[in-house]
Amino acid sequence: MVTAVSVTSLRQTGVTTAEGTVEVTTDGTGPVTIHIEWFTGDEQGVAGTPDGSETYQREGATRYTLSLAHDVRGAGCYWGLRASTSPAASDGGSLQQVFIRRCTIS
C-alpha cells in the first residue's frame, strides 16, 4: 500500500524549464506506478492546462525519490506539478505550483 506521495519541491530553472522532486512512501516493497503531470495556468491553486505527463514503475523499496526536469511549452504565470500513484496513496496525491519570474497576470 502507498502511504504517501508528495511533491517536495518545484522551481523554475530557466525561461522555459522547471525541476521538481517527488517522494513516495509505501508499507511494502511491492510494485507502485507513479503518475506525474505538469501544468501551466494563471490561477493559483488550480492545476490548469496539461503540459506533459510521465509514468514511472518502482518496486523493491519502501521509499522512492524522483528528480524530474521539464521543458514547459504552455503559457501561464503558474507552473504546476502533480503526483499520484497506483495503487492510490492514502493521502490521495500532491500538487505544487510555482509563480514564474517576470510574469504579470492581467
Protein backbone atom coordinates (compact mmCIF):
# COMPACT_ATOMS: atom_id res chain seq x y z
CA MET A 1 0.00 0.00 0.00
CA VAL A 2 1.20 3.53 -0.80
CA THR A 3 1.10 5.58 2.40
CA ALA A 4 2.10 8.98 0.99
CA VAL A 5 3.03 10.82 -2.19
CA SER A 6 4.37 14.36 -2.07
CA VAL A 7 5.75 16.95 -4.47
CA THR A 8 8.50 18.18 -2.16
CA SER A 9 9.96 20.83 -4.46
CA LEU A 10 9.21 22.67 -7.68
CA ARG A 11 11.26 25.51 -9.12
CA GLN A 12 11.81 27.42 -12.31
CA THR A 13 15.34 26.77 -13.60
CA GLY A 14 15.22 28.75 -16.85
CA VAL A 15 12.86 30.75 -19.04
CA THR A 16 11.00 27.58 -20.07
CA THR A 17 12.44 24.90 -17.78
CA ALA A 18 11.45 23.52 -14.40
CA GLU A 19 12.69 20.94 -11.92
CA GLY A 20 10.73 19.09 -9.28
CA THR A 21 11.13 16.37 -6.69
CA VAL A 22 8.53 13.77 -5.77
CA GLU A 23 8.71 11.41 -2.79
CA VAL A 24 6.64 8.25 -2.40
CA THR A 25 6.48 6.03 0.68
CA THR A 26 4.92 2.58 0.92
CA ASP A 27 4.37 0.00 3.63
CA GLY A 28 5.85 -2.78 1.50
CA THR A 29 8.21 -3.44 -1.40
CA GLY A 30 5.59 -4.37 -4.00
CA PRO A 31 5.23 -2.56 -7.32
CA VAL A 32 3.97 1.03 -7.48
CA THR A 33 3.19 3.19 -10.50
CA ILE A 34 3.93 6.90 -10.09
CA HIS A 35 1.97 9.26 -12.33
CA ILE A 36 3.49 12.71 -12.98
CA GLU A 37 1.54 15.57 -14.57
CA TRP A 38 2.81 19.04 -15.46
CA PHE A 39 0.50 22.05 -15.83
CA THR A 40 0.53 25.74 -16.72
CA GLY A 41 -2.06 28.38 -15.92
CA ASP A 42 -2.87 31.78 -14.45
CA GLU A 43 -4.78 30.71 -11.35
CA GLN A 44 -3.20 29.72 -8.06
CA GLY A 45 -4.49 26.50 -6.52
CA VAL A 46 -5.85 25.11 -9.80
CA ALA A 47 -3.88 22.61 -11.87
CA GLY A 48 -4.50 24.50 -15.14
CA THR A 49 -3.79 23.29 -18.67
CA PRO A 50 -1.92 19.98 -19.07
CA ASP A 51 1.68 20.46 -20.22
CA GLY A 52 3.01 16.91 -20.18
CA SER A 53 2.91 13.65 -18.26
CA GLU A 54 5.21 10.80 -17.32
CA THR A 55 4.77 7.42 -15.67
CA TYR A 56 7.35 5.56 -13.59
CA GLN A 57 7.33 2.00 -12.24
CA ARG A 58 9.14 1.23 -8.99
CA GLU A 59 9.44 -1.77 -6.65
CA GLY A 60 11.82 -3.32 -4.15
CA ALA A 61 11.94 -0.49 -1.58
CA THR A 62 9.59 1.41 0.73
CA ARG A 63 10.69 4.93 -0.24
CA TYR A 64 11.25 6.41 -3.70
CA THR A 65 12.52 9.84 -4.70
CA LEU A 66 12.12 11.10 -8.27
CA SER A 67 14.15 14.07 -9.52
CA LEU A 68 12.33 15.48 -12.52
CA ALA A 69 13.09 18.04 -15.24
CA HIS A 70 10.56 19.51 -17.66
CA ASP A 71 10.59 21.77 -20.72
CA VAL A 72 7.49 23.95 -20.32
CA ARG A 73 5.57 24.53 -23.55
CA GLY A 74 2.38 26.14 -22.28
CA ALA A 75 1.56 29.69 -21.26
CA GLY A 76 0.67 30.95 -17.82
CA CYS A 77 2.22 32.54 -14.77
CA TYR A 78 1.86 29.40 -12.65
CA TRP A 79 3.58 26.13 -13.39
CA GLY A 80 2.31 23.05 -11.59
CA LEU A 81 3.47 19.54 -10.84
CA ARG A 82 1.05 16.86 -9.65
CA ALA A 83 1.96 13.36 -8.48
CA SER A 84 -0.34 10.42 -7.86
CA THR A 85 0.12 6.66 -7.61
CA SER A 86 -1.42 3.30 -8.45
CA PRO A 87 -2.35 1.84 -6.07
CA ALA A 88 -3.67 5.17 -4.83
CA ALA A 89 -1.87 6.77 -1.90
CA SER A 90 -3.83 7.12 1.32
CA ASP A 91 -3.30 10.90 1.09
CA GLY A 92 -4.65 10.96 -2.48
CA GLY A 93 -1.82 12.78 -4.25
CA SER A 94 0.06 16.05 -4.25
CA LEU A 95 0.07 19.26 -6.31
CA GLN A 96 2.60 22.07 -6.03
CA GLN A 97 2.77 25.29 -8.05
CA VAL A 98 5.37 27.98 -8.60
CA PHE A 99 4.77 31.57 -9.75
CA ILE A 100 7.30 32.12 -12.52
CA ARG A 101 9.74 35.02 -12.68
CA ARG A 102 8.83 38.22 -14.55
CA CYS A 103 5.21 37.25 -15.04
CA THR A 104 2.24 39.60 -14.79
CA ILE A 105 -1.34 38.39 -14.54
CA SER A 106 -3.68 40.87 -16.21
